[in-house]
Structure formats: structure tokens, C-alpha cells
């Protein structure tokens, strides 16, 4: 992430960090929340199911957390399930192409589920996690996927509770509790926080840098295009002040190969 002023821009980039979120408090011990019937299941998971996932859970390839009523406190809701395409019938369990499939599938379906476009989703604390069958079930031929909407990411200290029904959460004008801001002197070194909390920076726009079939243009080209766009875009968002601070987050080739084509622009503002 990079911060700058309209008349004095720095060029120190890094990947977008995770949002610092409010904790649910002490959760269950490891294994207490596991459903034995899901552990090595070959069946496609239930659509719409809610769970109490933890940060550790979303770093795993598979998940067997017990489901519960969505009226109860939960941190995840399943918004997409299905069978993997036939091209994966003979794939290894850790085939990198599975990650690309998940990025495209879960990412696009999350936008429809939340009622927002890609740009808005990237400026919120709501993300997705995906899961596949266990290695044992995979050997038996299971080839399903599960996409869960979560309040946070795999780098968050904790996941925040979602509303009873997360579908349509971002329609209209989303509440600040779901939008991402930063508290601190710079975007890179500050604390990610919901915009309902005190903050110094707000993610206000994004820039699309290419199409799905485009090759990675290189770090320099991506940063320069991001910087120039964010300078103009943030200035417009702030109603064209004479001088202002702005920041930008750009991503590197691994994220590009996974499917991401956007950078994020930040405005220095307490609003």
C-alpha cells in the first residue's frame, strides 16, 4: 500500500492487509465444533447453512464445522455450492487450478449474493472462504466445492458475526460497519477497521487494470496506472481540494494469476 499527497507522492507498495475486526470472544476448543458426518462427506454441502468459523478454519482446505440456525450468532454463511467441473475429475488434491476456479466462482457469486459489484465488495470487510472435500473423500471421487461469506479474512485477528441473513447485505448504501477503513498515519502501517469506528483513511474507489485474458503487465505498469488513477479519483471523491492525501493498494503477479484485476484507492478522511 502506498500513501501520498497530490503534490508529493511516495512509491512504497505492499499487498492489501486484512481488516482488523471485532472479536466474538472465546470460541469453542479445537474439535468441539466439528460434525462427524461432514468430516469425510462425499455429498455436496447444504446451501444457505450458517456456521461459527474461526480464522484458523478459513486457512484449511476442508471444513466440517457444525451448522446452526442463522438466527444464532454465526460468522459464516454458505452462499454457493456445487460439483467441480469435469476437468478436475483426475486432478491432484492441491492442483493450483482449483484456486483459480474458486476465485472466479466464489468471487462472482459473492457479488450477486451481497448485491454489489466487484469494486464495492473489495472495499468491505466481507470476504469469502472456500472448501473442498477432505483428502479421504477426494480419493473416493468427491468433487464438490463450498463458498462461505465471512466477516473478515484469513489474516484477521477474529471474524465478526454476520446478520441473520447476509444475502443482499450491500444493496443500496451499505452501513459503515461493513466498509473498510484504516486508523493510522498511513494506509500501510495503520489498523484496518470498519468505517463505523474512528479512522483516518477510507477505501473509496478501485481501478480495473485488465481483462481476464490479459497477461500481467508488470509491477511498474500496475503501480503507475494505479497511482495516477487514484490521485485523480480520490481528488474527485474529496470534491477537488487544492491539496490532499491519498493512498493506493496494488497487487502483484500471483494475485493477477489467481484472477484479481483491481487496485484499491484510499482517501485520507475521518468521515
Foldseek 3Di string as FASTA:
>chain_A
DFKAKLVGGDQDADAQAWAAEDAPPDDDDPPPQFDPCQQQDLDKDDAFWFFADKLVQLVDQAGGGDTDQLQDWGFKTWHDKDFDDPVCQPPDPVPVVVLLVCCVVLQVSVCQQQVHDNWQVVFWQKDKGKHAGDNNNVVVRRGMMIIMIGRIHSRYPTTHTDHSGNGNQPPDPHDQQTGWAFADPDSVPTHIHRLVDFHFKGFDGKDFADDLPDADPDDVVQSVVQVVVLSVVLCVVVVNDPMFMKTKHDDDRVVVVSPDGMIIIMGGDRD
